[in-house]
Amino acid sequence: MRFTEKIITIERFIFEHQPDYARGDFTNLLYDIAMAAKMIANKTTRAGLADILGTSGATNVQGETQQRLDIYADQTIFRLVDHTGRVCVMASEEHEDVLEIPPEFNKGRYVLVYDPLDGSSNIDVNVSIGTVFGIYRCVDWANRGRVEDCLQPGRKLLAAGYVLYGASTMLVYSTGQGVHGFTLDPHIGEFLLSHPDMRFPEPKYYSANHAYFGRWSPEIQEYTRWLQGRGDYEDAPKALSERYIGSLVADFHRNLLRGGVFMYPAEVGKPEGKIRVLYEAGPLAFLAHQAGGYASDGQQNILDIVPQTLHDRTPIFIGNRHLVQKAEEFVAQGDTAFQ
C-alpha cells in the first residue's frame, strides 16, 4: 500500500523549512511556542467550565484589567521558555519591565516578545482571542539580556506569528519564507498544515471601530468613505464591507484570508495611537509583508519603527498593500492626525 498524501505536522514543517541561519535552538523555540498554544487552547475551549473566566482583580502595565486567562497565558509562555537556554530575555505586554531568564538557567541567543492574550476583553462573551509573538536575535552576546535586546524594529524580526483561538485553533507564522497556517486537531493534539503560503487575496472587507469616527482627522474620515466607495474618486475600489470584531488577531486573520485592511488610526490630539509596536504592530507587519501586504502608521512602514520603550504605541493600517498606501496618501493631504 502506497500513501500519496503527506500529513505535515508543525514539528515536521518547522524542521523541513528552517531558514539558513537557524540552528536547533531556533527550531525548538518555535515548537515551544506551539506547545504553549496547545496549553492555552486547552483552557480557552474549556473557559466556560473551568475557573478561569472573569477578572483577577489586578491591572497590567497598560492600565487594563487583567483576566485570569491573561495571567495563565502569560505564565505558560514564560515557563515553557525560561529554562531552555534558547532565549536571553523576554518581554510581555503584561509586564512593565523585561522578563529576565532566571540565573540558574543558561542564556540563549534569541529574544521573545509576546502579547499573551490579545482581545482578552472578549473572553467572557466567547469571542475569538489570540496570542501574538515575535523573535529577534540577541543584540549583544556579552550581556545576559537587556531591554536593548527587545527594542528592535520589526524589520529585524527573525520570525513572527499569532495563534487564533476561535471555532478552531490556528497557529500562523513566518520565518521570512512565506506565511503558513496550521490548525490544531484536538483528537491527536497536534497542529497540522492547513494553509500553506498564505497571501492577501483581492480585498472584500475593511475593519475599523466606527464608534471613534468623530475623533479621526478629516483625512481619515475621507479615507473611510473611499473604502466604502463613497465620494467622487476615479480610483475608488468596489465598496468594501465593514467587519470589526475588536480582537486584533481575529480581524487581521479574516483580512488575511479574505482580503482587506484593518485600521486603528490616531485620534486628533492623540498621535501615539493605541496598538503596541513591540507586541502587536511589529509582528503582524512582518506577517503582512511576507503575505504580500503592507503595514503603515500612516506615514511610514511599521517595520521601520524603532520602539523607544517596551510599551510604545502606534496608529496602524494593515492589509492589502494598495489599500494601505491609499491611507498614506490621504494622511499626506493634511497632518492634523499627527498633531
C-alpha atoms as a PDB file:
ATOM      1  CA  MET A   1       0.000   0.000   0.000  1.00  0.00           C
ATOM      2  CA  ARG A   2       1.415   3.375  -1.009  1.00  0.00           C
ATOM      3  CA  PHE A   3       0.411   6.587   0.779  1.00  0.00           C
ATOM      4  CA  THR A   4       0.287   9.541  -1.601  1.00  0.00           C
ATOM      5  CA  GLU A   5      -0.989  12.265   0.729  1.00  0.00           C
ATOM      6  CA  LYS A   6       1.512  13.779   3.108  1.00  0.00           C
ATOM      7  CA  ILE A   7       0.306  14.745   6.576  1.00  0.00           C
ATOM      8  CA  ILE A   8       2.523  17.622   7.677  1.00  0.00           C
ATOM      9  CA  THR A   9       2.697  18.398  11.380  1.00  0.00           C
ATOM     10  CA  ILE A  10       4.029  21.727  12.548  1.00  0.00           C
ATOM     11  CA  GLU A  11       7.075  19.973  14.003  1.00  0.00           C
ATOM     12  CA  ARG A  12       7.860  18.385  10.649  1.00  0.00           C
ATOM     13  CA  PHE A  13       7.249  21.642   8.779  1.00  0.00           C
ATOM     14  CA  ILE A  14       9.480  23.653  11.104  1.00  0.00           C
ATOM     15  CA  PHE A  15      12.248  21.060  10.768  1.00  0.00           C
ATOM     16  CA  GLU A  16      12.000  20.890   6.965  1.00  0.00           C
ATOM     17  CA  HIS A  17      11.765  24.662   6.439  1.00  0.00           C
ATOM     18  CA  GLN A  18      14.453  26.035   8.711  1.00  0.00           C
ATOM     19  CA  PRO A  19      15.930  29.284   7.397  1.00  0.00           C
ATOM     20  CA  ASP A  20      19.608  29.163   6.531  1.00  0.00           C
ATOM     21  CA  TYR A  21      20.660  30.886   9.765  1.00  0.00           C
ATOM     22  CA  ALA A  22      18.544  28.669  12.018  1.00  0.00           C
ATOM     23  CA  ARG A  23      20.107  26.294  14.453  1.00  0.00           C
ATOM     24  CA  GLY A  24      18.465  23.725  16.664  1.00  0.00           C
ATOM     25  CA  ASP A  25      17.590  26.309  19.317  1.00  0.00           C
ATOM     26  CA  PHE A  26      15.592  28.429  16.877  1.00  0.00           C
ATOM     27  CA  THR A  27      13.625  25.458  15.603  1.00  0.00           C
ATOM     28  CA  ASN A  28      12.925  24.278  19.134  1.00  0.00           C
ATOM     29  CA  LEU A  29      11.845  27.756  20.241  1.00  0.00           C
ATOM     30  CA  LEU A  30       9.174  27.784  17.545  1.00  0.00           C
ATOM     31  CA  TYR A  31       7.965  24.428  18.746  1.00  0.00           C
ATOM     32  CA  ASP A  32       7.970  25.700  22.351  1.00  0.00           C
ATOM     33  CA  ILE A  33       5.528  28.388  21.217  1.00  0.00           C
ATOM     34  CA  ALA A  34       3.369  25.763  19.518  1.00  0.00           C
ATOM     35  CA  MET A  35       3.308  23.785  22.760  1.00  0.00           C
ATOM     36  CA  ALA A  36       2.257  26.895  24.710  1.00  0.00           C
ATOM     37  CA  ALA A  37      -0.515  27.461  22.164  1.00  0.00           C
ATOM     38  CA  LYS A  38      -1.851  23.943  22.775  1.00  0.00           C
ATOM     39  CA  MET A  39      -1.912  24.509  26.526  1.00  0.00           C
ATOM     40  CA  ILE A  40      -3.648  27.885  26.212  1.00  0.00           C
ATOM     41  CA  ALA A  41      -6.125  26.451  23.687  1.00  0.00           C
ATOM     42  CA  ASN A  42      -6.982  23.705  26.154  1.00  0.00           C
ATOM     43  CA  LYS A  43      -8.035  26.386  28.635  1.00  0.00           C
ATOM     44  CA  THR A  44      -9.833  28.648  26.164  1.00  0.00           C
ATOM     45  CA  THR A  45     -12.018  25.817  24.885  1.00  0.00           C
ATOM     46  CA  ARG A  46     -12.952  24.931  28.459  1.00  0.00           C
ATOM     47  CA  ALA A  47     -13.272  28.502  29.705  1.00  0.00           C
ATOM     48  CA  GLY A  48     -16.953  28.152  30.477  1.00  0.00           C
ATOM     49  CA  LEU A  49     -16.300  25.045  32.568  1.00  0.00           C
ATOM     50  CA  ALA A  50     -13.059  25.914  34.339  1.00  0.00           C
ATOM     51  CA  ASP A  51     -12.473  28.574  36.979  1.00  0.00           C
ATOM     52  CA  ILE A  52     -10.528  30.864  34.675  1.00  0.00           C
ATOM     53  CA  LEU A  53     -13.173  33.277  33.472  1.00  0.00           C
ATOM     54  CA  GLY A  54     -13.555  36.736  34.935  1.00  0.00           C
ATOM     55  CA  THR A  55     -11.036  39.253  36.211  1.00  0.00           C
ATOM     56  CA  SER A  56      -8.130  38.611  38.527  1.00  0.00           C
ATOM     57  CA  GLY A  57      -8.580  41.872  40.431  1.00  0.00           C
ATOM     58  CA  ALA A  58      -5.284  43.219  39.061  1.00  0.00           C
ATOM     59  CA  THR A  59      -4.334  45.571  36.235  1.00  0.00           C
ATOM     60  CA  ASN A  60      -1.427  45.275  33.825  1.00  0.00           C
ATOM     61  CA  VAL A  61       1.104  47.940  32.860  1.00  0.00           C
ATOM     62  CA  GLN A  62      -1.325  49.261  30.241  1.00  0.00           C
ATOM     63  CA  GLY A  63      -3.826  50.051  32.996  1.00  0.00           C
ATOM     64  CA  GLU A  64      -6.158  47.331  31.730  1.00  0.00           C
ATOM     65  CA  THR A  65      -7.988  44.890  33.961  1.00  0.00           C
ATOM     66  CA  GLN A  66      -6.286  41.514  33.783  1.00  0.00           C
ATOM     67  CA  GLN A  67      -8.391  38.466  33.074  1.00  0.00           C
ATOM     68  CA  ARG A  68      -7.477  35.183  34.747  1.00  0.00           C
ATOM     69  CA  LEU A  69      -6.841  33.659  31.350  1.00  0.00           C
ATOM     70  CA  ASP A  70      -4.478  36.582  30.559  1.00  0.00           C
ATOM     71  CA  ILE A  71      -2.342  35.597  33.522  1.00  0.00           C
ATOM     72  CA  TYR A  72      -2.441  31.901  32.690  1.00  0.00           C
ATOM     73  CA  ALA A  73      -1.352  32.533  29.082  1.00  0.00           C
ATOM     74  CA  ASP A  74       1.428  34.891  30.172  1.00  0.00           C
ATOM     75  CA  GLN A  75       2.827  32.457  32.728  1.00  0.00           C
ATOM     76  CA  THR A  76       2.523  29.464  30.398  1.00  0.00           C
ATOM     77  CA  ILE A  77       4.636  31.045  27.679  1.00  0.00           C
ATOM     78  CA  PHE A  78       7.281  32.230  30.130  1.00  0.00           C
ATOM     79  CA  ARG A  79       7.566  28.935  31.974  1.00  0.00           C
ATOM     80  CA  LEU A  80       7.830  26.886  28.804  1.00  0.00           C
ATOM     81  CA  VAL A  81      10.732  29.010  27.553  1.00  0.00           C
ATOM     82  CA  ASP A  82      12.653  30.372  30.575  1.00  0.00           C
ATOM     83  CA  HIS A  83      14.701  27.237  31.307  1.00  0.00           C
ATOM     84  CA  THR A  84      15.502  26.048  27.789  1.00  0.00           C
ATOM     85  CA  GLY A  85      18.690  28.002  27.119  1.00  0.00           C
ATOM     86  CA  ARG A  86      17.176  29.289  23.885  1.00  0.00           C
ATOM     87  CA  VAL A  87      16.440  32.925  24.814  1.00  0.00           C
ATOM     88  CA  CYS A  88      18.412  35.686  26.509  1.00  0.00           C
ATOM     89  CA  VAL A  89      15.404  37.761  27.563  1.00  0.00           C
ATOM     90  CA  MET A  90      11.648  38.037  27.057  1.00  0.00           C
ATOM     91  CA  ALA A  91       9.149  40.897  27.090  1.00  0.00           C
ATOM     92  CA  SER A  92       5.402  40.609  27.576  1.00  0.00           C
ATOM     93  CA  GLU A  93       2.665  43.174  27.145  1.00  0.00           C
ATOM     94  CA  GLU A  94       1.510  42.255  30.646  1.00  0.00           C
ATOM     95  CA  HIS A  95       4.735  43.409  32.370  1.00  0.00           C
ATOM     96  CA  GLU A  96       6.306  46.822  32.757  1.00  0.00           C
ATOM     97  CA  ASP A  97       9.892  45.562  32.527  1.00  0.00           C
ATOM     98  CA  VAL A  98      11.668  42.819  30.611  1.00  0.00           C
ATOM     99  CA  LEU A  99      11.387  39.237  31.825  1.00  0.00           C
ATOM    100  CA  GLU A 100      14.870  38.098  32.698  1.00  0.00           C
ATOM    101  CA  ILE A 101      15.952  34.495  32.410  1.00  0.00           C
ATOM    102  CA  PRO A 102      16.464  33.053  35.919  1.00  0.00           C
ATOM    103  CA  PRO A 103      20.174  32.976  36.767  1.00  0.00           C
ATOM    104  CA  GLU A 104      20.241  29.208  37.215  1.00  0.00           C
ATOM    105  CA  PHE A 105      19.426  28.707  33.530  1.00  0.00           C
ATOM    106  CA  ASN A 106      21.665  29.230  30.510  1.00  0.00           C
ATOM    107  CA  LYS A 107      21.273  32.318  28.375  1.00  0.00           C
ATOM    108  CA  GLY A 108      20.251  31.765  24.756  1.00  0.00           C
ATOM    109  CA  ARG A 109      20.775  33.669  21.534  1.00  0.00           C
ATOM    110  CA  TYR A 110      17.188  34.776  20.873  1.00  0.00           C
ATOM    111  CA  VAL A 111      14.699  37.344  22.184  1.00  0.00           C
ATOM    112  CA  LEU A 112      10.999  36.562  22.551  1.00  0.00           C
ATOM    113  CA  VAL A 113       8.373  39.322  22.706  1.00  0.00           C
ATOM    114  CA  TYR A 114       4.702  38.479  23.026  1.00  0.00           C
ATOM    115  CA  ASP A 115       1.157  39.554  23.748  1.00  0.00           C
ATOM    116  CA  PRO A 116      -0.090  36.502  25.627  1.00  0.00           C
ATOM    117  CA  LEU A 117      -3.785  37.088  25.010  1.00  0.00           C
ATOM    118  CA  ASP A 118      -4.897  39.752  22.555  1.00  0.00           C
ATOM    119  CA  GLY A 119      -8.556  40.740  22.772  1.00  0.00           C
ATOM    120  CA  SER A 120      -8.953  39.385  26.286  1.00  0.00           C
ATOM    121  CA  SER A 121     -11.884  41.722  26.956  1.00  0.00           C
ATOM    122  CA  ASN A 122     -13.822  39.337  24.683  1.00  0.00           C
ATOM    123  CA  ILE A 123     -13.176  36.271  26.834  1.00  0.00           C
ATOM    124  CA  ASP A 124     -16.348  36.436  28.870  1.00  0.00           C
ATOM    125  CA  VAL A 125     -18.536  36.748  25.767  1.00  0.00           C
ATOM    126  CA  ASN A 126     -16.907  33.835  23.890  1.00  0.00           C
ATOM    127  CA  VAL A 127     -15.433  35.869  21.031  1.00  0.00           C
ATOM    128  CA  SER A 128     -12.181  34.894  19.297  1.00  0.00           C
ATOM    129  CA  ILE A 129      -8.955  35.904  21.030  1.00  0.00           C
ATOM    130  CA  GLY A 130      -5.306  35.335  20.198  1.00  0.00           C
ATOM    131  CA  THR A 131      -1.608  35.288  21.045  1.00  0.00           C
ATOM    132  CA  VAL A 132       0.961  37.341  19.091  1.00  0.00           C
ATOM    133  CA  PHE A 133       4.730  36.754  19.179  1.00  0.00           C
ATOM    134  CA  GLY A 134       7.972  37.913  17.626  1.00  0.00           C
ATOM    135  CA  ILE A 135      11.518  36.534  17.754  1.00  0.00           C
ATOM    136  CA  TYR A 136      14.685  38.624  17.439  1.00  0.00           C
ATOM    137  CA  ARG A 137      18.365  37.783  17.678  1.00  0.00           C
ATOM    138  CA  CYS A 138      20.213  38.859  20.824  1.00  0.00           C
ATOM    139  CA  VAL A 139      21.940  42.204  20.188  1.00  0.00           C
ATOM    140  CA  ASP A 140      24.946  41.830  22.486  1.00  0.00           C
ATOM    141  CA  TRP A 141      26.099  38.330  23.356  1.00  0.00           C
ATOM    142  CA  ALA A 142      28.341  39.667  26.116  1.00  0.00           C
ATOM    143  CA  ASN A 143      25.327  40.638  28.235  1.00  0.00           C
ATOM    144  CA  ARG A 144      22.827  38.395  29.958  1.00  0.00           C
ATOM    145  CA  GLY A 145      19.796  40.013  28.332  1.00  0.00           C
ATOM    146  CA  ARG A 146      18.675  43.654  28.443  1.00  0.00           C
ATOM    147  CA  VAL A 147      15.862  45.923  27.343  1.00  0.00           C
ATOM    148  CA  GLU A 148      18.045  46.954  24.374  1.00  0.00           C
ATOM    149  CA  ASP A 149      17.687  43.421  23.020  1.00  0.00           C
ATOM    150  CA  CYS A 150      13.935  43.955  22.799  1.00  0.00           C
ATOM    151  CA  LEU A 151      13.880  47.494  21.368  1.00  0.00           C
ATOM    152  CA  GLN A 152      14.465  46.477  17.770  1.00  0.00           C
ATOM    153  CA  PRO A 153      12.449  47.416  14.675  1.00  0.00           C
ATOM    154  CA  GLY A 154      10.157  44.849  13.126  1.00  0.00           C
ATOM    155  CA  ARG A 155      12.429  44.644  10.101  1.00  0.00           C
ATOM    156  CA  LYS A 156      14.939  42.773  12.263  1.00  0.00           C
ATOM    157  CA  LEU A 157      12.481  40.068  13.283  1.00  0.00           C
ATOM    158  CA  LEU A 158      13.629  36.539  12.557  1.00  0.00           C
ATOM    159  CA  ALA A 159      10.139  35.137  12.963  1.00  0.00           C
ATOM    160  CA  ALA A 160       6.671  36.267  13.965  1.00  0.00           C
ATOM    161  CA  GLY A 161       3.256  34.761  14.262  1.00  0.00           C
ATOM    162  CA  TYR A 162      -0.025  34.526  16.053  1.00  0.00           C
ATOM    163  CA  VAL A 163      -2.381  31.935  17.456  1.00  0.00           C
ATOM    164  CA  LEU A 164      -6.121  32.361  16.959  1.00  0.00           C
ATOM    165  CA  TYR A 165      -8.387  30.690  19.495  1.00  0.00           C
ATOM    166  CA  GLY A 166     -11.745  30.541  17.751  1.00  0.00           C
ATOM    167  CA  ALA A 167     -14.037  27.885  16.267  1.00  0.00           C
ATOM    168  CA  SER A 168     -10.758  26.064  15.740  1.00  0.00           C
ATOM    169  CA  THR A 169      -7.280  26.918  16.983  1.00  0.00           C
ATOM    170  CA  MET A 170      -4.850  28.100  14.316  1.00  0.00           C
ATOM    171  CA  LEU A 171      -1.167  28.975  14.520  1.00  0.00           C
ATOM    172  CA  VAL A 172       0.097  31.211  11.721  1.00  0.00           C
ATOM    173  CA  TYR A 173       3.783  32.102  11.459  1.00  0.00           C
ATOM    174  CA  SER A 174       6.612  33.140   9.183  1.00  0.00           C
ATOM    175  CA  THR A 175      10.382  32.921   9.327  1.00  0.00           C
ATOM    176  CA  GLY A 176      10.761  35.152   6.283  1.00  0.00           C
ATOM    177  CA  GLN A 177       9.881  32.378   3.847  1.00  0.00           C
ATOM    178  CA  GLY A 178       6.188  32.998   3.369  1.00  0.00           C
ATOM    179  CA  VAL A 179       3.290  32.741   5.798  1.00  0.00           C
ATOM    180  CA  HIS A 180       1.935  29.337   6.777  1.00  0.00           C
ATOM    181  CA  GLY A 181      -1.074  28.339   8.860  1.00  0.00           C
ATOM    182  CA  PHE A 182      -1.632  25.256  10.976  1.00  0.00           C
ATOM    183  CA  THR A 183      -4.886  24.061  12.505  1.00  0.00           C
ATOM    184  CA  LEU A 184      -4.937  22.162  15.789  1.00  0.00           C
ATOM    185  CA  ASP A 185      -6.504  18.719  15.551  1.00  0.00           C
ATOM    186  CA  PRO A 186      -7.905  18.273  19.072  1.00  0.00           C
ATOM    187  CA  HIS A 187      -8.175  14.499  18.671  1.00  0.00           C
ATOM    188  CA  ILE A 188      -4.447  13.980  18.252  1.00  0.00           C
ATOM    189  CA  GLY A 189      -3.282  17.185  19.951  1.00  0.00           C
ATOM    190  CA  GLU A 190      -1.148  18.370  17.030  1.00  0.00           C
ATOM    191  CA  PHE A 191      -1.031  21.320  14.645  1.00  0.00           C
ATOM    192  CA  LEU A 192      -1.390  20.203  11.015  1.00  0.00           C
ATOM    193  CA  LEU A 193      -0.528  22.301   7.970  1.00  0.00           C
ATOM    194  CA  SER A 194      -3.822  23.621   6.604  1.00  0.00           C
ATOM    195  CA  HIS A 195      -2.989  26.956   4.951  1.00  0.00           C
ATOM    196  CA  PRO A 196       0.398  26.923   3.140  1.00  0.00           C
ATOM    197  CA  ASP A 197       1.770  30.086   1.543  1.00  0.00           C
ATOM    198  CA  MET A 198      -0.940  32.475   2.704  1.00  0.00           C
ATOM    199  CA  ARG A 199      -1.311  35.647   0.623  1.00  0.00           C
ATOM    200  CA  PHE A 200      -3.745  38.537   0.756  1.00  0.00           C
ATOM    201  CA  PRO A 201      -6.404  37.968  -1.936  1.00  0.00           C
ATOM    202  CA  GLU A 202      -8.398  40.731  -3.597  1.00  0.00           C
ATOM    203  CA  PRO A 203      -9.963  42.750  -0.779  1.00  0.00           C
ATOM    204  CA  LYS A 204     -13.508  42.247   0.424  1.00  0.00           C
ATOM    205  CA  TYR A 205     -13.514  43.929   3.836  1.00  0.00           C
ATOM    206  CA  TYR A 206     -12.257  46.797   5.912  1.00  0.00           C
ATOM    207  CA  SER A 207     -12.076  46.691   9.700  1.00  0.00           C
ATOM    208  CA  ALA A 208     -12.450  49.785  11.844  1.00  0.00           C
ATOM    209  CA  ASN A 209     -14.170  50.866  15.030  1.00  0.00           C
ATOM    210  CA  HIS A 210     -16.700  53.390  13.752  1.00  0.00           C
ATOM    211  CA  ALA A 211     -17.515  54.472  17.282  1.00  0.00           C
ATOM    212  CA  TYR A 212     -14.359  56.623  17.012  1.00  0.00           C
ATOM    213  CA  PHE A 213     -15.197  58.136  13.607  1.00  0.00           C
ATOM    214  CA  GLY A 214     -15.797  61.583  15.114  1.00  0.00           C
ATOM    215  CA  ARG A 215     -12.339  61.508  16.750  1.00  0.00           C
ATOM    216  CA  TRP A 216     -10.483  60.884  13.499  1.00  0.00           C
ATOM    217  CA  SER A 217      -8.960  63.592  11.338  1.00  0.00           C
ATOM    218  CA  PRO A 218     -10.900  64.740   8.243  1.00  0.00           C
ATOM    219  CA  GLU A 219      -8.358  62.880   6.094  1.00  0.00           C
ATOM    220  CA  ILE A 220      -9.056  59.557   7.839  1.00  0.00           C
ATOM    221  CA  GLN A 221     -12.799  60.143   7.672  1.00  0.00           C
ATOM    222  CA  GLU A 222     -12.498  60.730   3.942  1.00  0.00           C
ATOM    223  CA  TYR A 223     -10.339  57.598   3.564  1.00  0.00           C
ATOM    224  CA  THR A 224     -13.132  55.640   5.248  1.00  0.00           C
ATOM    225  CA  ARG A 225     -15.622  56.986   2.709  1.00  0.00           C
ATOM    226  CA  TRP A 226     -13.214  55.977  -0.059  1.00  0.00           C
ATOM    227  CA  LEU A 227     -13.159  52.415   1.310  1.00  0.00           C
ATOM    228  CA  GLN A 228     -16.953  52.451   1.279  1.00  0.00           C
ATOM    229  CA  GLY A 229     -16.999  53.516  -2.363  1.00  0.00           C
ATOM    230  CA  ARG A 230     -18.482  56.891  -1.485  1.00  0.00           C
ATOM    231  CA  GLY A 231     -17.345  60.153  -2.994  1.00  0.00           C
ATOM    232  CA  ASP A 232     -16.172  61.104  -6.462  1.00  0.00           C
ATOM    233  CA  TYR A 233     -12.902  59.176  -6.751  1.00  0.00           C
ATOM    234  CA  GLU A 234     -11.769  57.662 -10.027  1.00  0.00           C
ATOM    235  CA  ASP A 235      -9.648  55.109  -8.189  1.00  0.00           C
ATOM    236  CA  ALA A 236     -12.298  54.179  -5.617  1.00  0.00           C
ATOM    237  CA  PRO A 237     -12.423  50.422  -5.026  1.00  0.00           C
ATOM    238  CA  LYS A 238     -15.550  48.360  -5.243  1.00  0.00           C
ATOM    239  CA  ALA A 239     -17.263  49.201  -1.969  1.00  0.00           C
ATOM    240  CA  LEU A 240     -15.801  47.088   0.812  1.00  0.00           C
ATOM    241  CA  SER A 241     -17.978  45.580   3.517  1.00  0.00           C
ATOM    242  CA  GLU A 242     -17.180  46.587   7.083  1.00  0.00           C
ATOM    243  CA  ARG A 243     -16.276  43.819   9.527  1.00  0.00           C
ATOM    244  CA  TYR A 244     -14.933  44.547  13.006  1.00  0.00           C
ATOM    245  CA  ILE A 245     -14.541  42.094  15.887  1.00  0.00           C
ATOM    246  CA  GLY A 246     -12.437  44.139  18.284  1.00  0.00           C
ATOM    247  CA  SER A 247      -9.830  41.404  18.589  1.00  0.00           C
ATOM    248  CA  LEU A 248      -6.809  42.408  16.519  1.00  0.00           C
ATOM    249  CA  VAL A 249      -5.690  38.850  15.749  1.00  0.00           C
ATOM    250  CA  ALA A 250      -9.167  37.838  14.607  1.00  0.00           C
ATOM    251  CA  ASP A 251      -9.624  40.957  12.463  1.00  0.00           C
ATOM    252  CA  PHE A 252      -6.180  40.543  10.890  1.00  0.00           C
ATOM    253  CA  HIS A 253      -6.731  36.830  10.279  1.00  0.00           C
ATOM    254  CA  ARG A 254     -10.041  37.373   8.481  1.00  0.00           C
ATOM    255  CA  ASN A 255      -8.498  40.005   6.227  1.00  0.00           C
ATOM    256  CA  LEU A 256      -5.512  37.772   5.506  1.00  0.00           C
ATOM    257  CA  LEU A 257      -7.883  35.032   4.323  1.00  0.00           C
ATOM    258  CA  ARG A 258     -10.452  37.238   2.575  1.00  0.00           C
ATOM    259  CA  GLY A 259      -8.519  40.393   1.703  1.00  0.00           C
ATOM    260  CA  GLY A 260      -8.912  43.821   3.225  1.00  0.00           C
ATOM    261  CA  VAL A 261      -7.469  46.374   5.585  1.00  0.00           C
ATOM    262  CA  PHE A 262      -7.570  46.807   9.352  1.00  0.00           C
ATOM    263  CA  MET A 263      -7.102  50.300  10.687  1.00  0.00           C
ATOM    264  CA  TYR A 264      -6.801  51.818  14.129  1.00  0.00           C
ATOM    265  CA  PRO A 265      -5.927  55.451  13.327  1.00  0.00           C
ATOM    266  CA  ALA A 266      -4.654  58.091  15.677  1.00  0.00           C
ATOM    267  CA  GLU A 267      -7.265  60.334  17.216  1.00  0.00           C
ATOM    268  CA  VAL A 268      -6.979  64.082  16.754  1.00  0.00           C
ATOM    269  CA  GLY A 269      -4.724  65.351  19.534  1.00  0.00           C
ATOM    270  CA  LYS A 270      -3.549  61.808  20.366  1.00  0.00           C
ATOM    271  CA  PRO A 271      -0.887  60.959  17.796  1.00  0.00           C
ATOM    272  CA  GLU A 272       0.513  58.000  19.729  1.00  0.00           C
ATOM    273  CA  GLY A 273      -2.257  55.624  18.648  1.00  0.00           C
ATOM    274  CA  LYS A 274      -3.248  52.504  20.543  1.00  0.00           C
ATOM    275  CA  ILE A 275      -1.625  49.381  19.054  1.00  0.00           C
ATOM    276  CA  ARG A 276       1.595  48.258  20.772  1.00  0.00           C
ATOM    277  CA  VAL A 277       4.616  48.487  18.481  1.00  0.00           C
ATOM    278  CA  LEU A 278       6.599  45.650  20.015  1.00  0.00           C
ATOM    279  CA  TYR A 279       3.953  43.071  20.794  1.00  0.00           C
ATOM    280  CA  GLU A 280       1.337  43.597  18.078  1.00  0.00           C
ATOM    281  CA  ALA A 281       2.162  46.011  15.257  1.00  0.00           C
ATOM    282  CA  GLY A 282       5.700  44.782  14.527  1.00  0.00           C
ATOM    283  CA  PRO A 283       4.963  41.043  14.373  1.00  0.00           C
ATOM    284  CA  LEU A 284       1.781  41.494  12.342  1.00  0.00           C
ATOM    285  CA  ALA A 285       3.545  43.907   9.979  1.00  0.00           C
ATOM    286  CA  PHE A 286       6.200  41.229   9.426  1.00  0.00           C
ATOM    287  CA  LEU A 287       3.488  38.712   8.537  1.00  0.00           C
ATOM    288  CA  ALA A 288       1.676  41.187   6.289  1.00  0.00           C
ATOM    289  CA  HIS A 289       4.872  41.881   4.356  1.00  0.00           C
ATOM    290  CA  GLN A 290       5.502  38.167   3.885  1.00  0.00           C
ATOM    291  CA  ALA A 291       1.931  37.707   2.645  1.00  0.00           C
ATOM    292  CA  GLY A 292       2.266  40.431   0.004  1.00  0.00           C
ATOM    293  CA  GLY A 293       0.660  43.130   2.133  1.00  0.00           C
ATOM    294  CA  TYR A 294       1.836  46.211   3.965  1.00  0.00           C
ATOM    295  CA  ALA A 295       1.542  47.905   7.357  1.00  0.00           C
ATOM    296  CA  SER A 296       1.923  51.646   7.990  1.00  0.00           C
ATOM    297  CA  ASP A 297       1.328  54.146  10.764  1.00  0.00           C
ATOM    298  CA  GLY A 298       0.002  56.472   8.074  1.00  0.00           C
ATOM    299  CA  GLN A 299       3.384  57.986   7.343  1.00  0.00           C
ATOM    300  CA  GLN A 300       5.945  55.186   7.384  1.00  0.00           C
ATOM    301  CA  ASN A 301       6.344  51.430   7.251  1.00  0.00           C
ATOM    302  CA  ILE A 302       5.629  49.880  10.657  1.00  0.00           C
ATOM    303  CA  LEU A 303       8.677  47.645  10.142  1.00  0.00           C
ATOM    304  CA  ASP A 304      10.929  50.717  10.274  1.00  0.00           C
ATOM    305  CA  ILE A 305       9.686  51.993  13.637  1.00  0.00           C
ATOM    306  CA  VAL A 306      12.286  51.604  16.387  1.00  0.00           C
ATOM    307  CA  PRO A 307      10.436  51.398  19.727  1.00  0.00           C
ATOM    308  CA  GLN A 308      11.898  53.682  22.382  1.00  0.00           C
ATOM    309  CA  THR A 309      10.212  51.884  25.263  1.00  0.00           C
ATOM    310  CA  LEU A 310       8.742  48.432  25.770  1.00  0.00           C
ATOM    311  CA  HIS A 311       5.212  49.794  25.577  1.00  0.00           C
ATOM    312  CA  ASP A 312       5.276  52.335  22.744  1.00  0.00           C
ATOM    313  CA  ARG A 313       2.068  52.573  20.758  1.00  0.00           C
ATOM    314  CA  THR A 314       1.295  53.429  17.159  1.00  0.00           C
ATOM    315  CA  PRO A 315      -1.578  54.064  14.771  1.00  0.00           C
ATOM    316  CA  ILE A 316      -1.848  51.252  12.236  1.00  0.00           C
ATOM    317  CA  PHE A 317      -3.201  50.497   8.775  1.00  0.00           C
ATOM    318  CA  ILE A 318      -2.502  46.908   7.751  1.00  0.00           C
ATOM    319  CA  GLY A 319      -3.641  44.633   4.947  1.00  0.00           C
ATOM    320  CA  ASN A 320      -3.638  44.705   1.152  1.00  0.00           C
ATOM    321  CA  ARG A 321      -0.804  46.923   0.006  1.00  0.00           C
ATOM    322  CA  HIS A 322      -2.728  49.289  -2.252  1.00  0.00           C
ATOM    323  CA  LEU A 323      -5.348  49.938   0.441  1.00  0.00           C
ATOM    324  CA  VAL A 324      -2.689  50.857   2.993  1.00  0.00           C
ATOM    325  CA  GLN A 325      -0.780  53.013   0.529  1.00  0.00           C
ATOM    326  CA  LYS A 326      -4.001  54.852  -0.191  1.00  0.00           C
ATOM    327  CA  ALA A 327      -4.345  55.568   3.530  1.00  0.00           C
ATOM    328  CA  GLU A 328      -0.879  57.146   3.429  1.00  0.00           C
ATOM    329  CA  GLU A 329      -1.997  59.339   0.513  1.00  0.00           C
ATOM    330  CA  PHE A 330      -4.990  60.609   2.463  1.00  0.00           C
ATOM    331  CA  VAL A 331      -2.910  61.241   5.593  1.00  0.00           C
ATOM    332  CA  ALA A 332      -0.372  63.192   3.497  1.00  0.00           C
ATOM    333  CA  GLN A 333      -3.124  65.627   2.475  1.00  0.00           C
ATOM    334  CA  GLY A 334      -3.050  67.050   5.977  1.00  0.00           C
ATOM    335  CA  ASP A 335      -1.163  66.383   9.175  1.00  0.00           C
ATOM    336  CA  THR A 336      -3.940  67.000  11.676  1.00  0.00           C
ATOM    337  CA  ALA A 337      -3.993  63.339  12.655  1.00  0.00           C
ATOM    338  CA  PHE A 338      -0.421  63.675  13.913  1.00  0.00           C
ATOM    339  CA  GLN A 339      -0.632  66.934  15.832  1.00  0.00           C
END
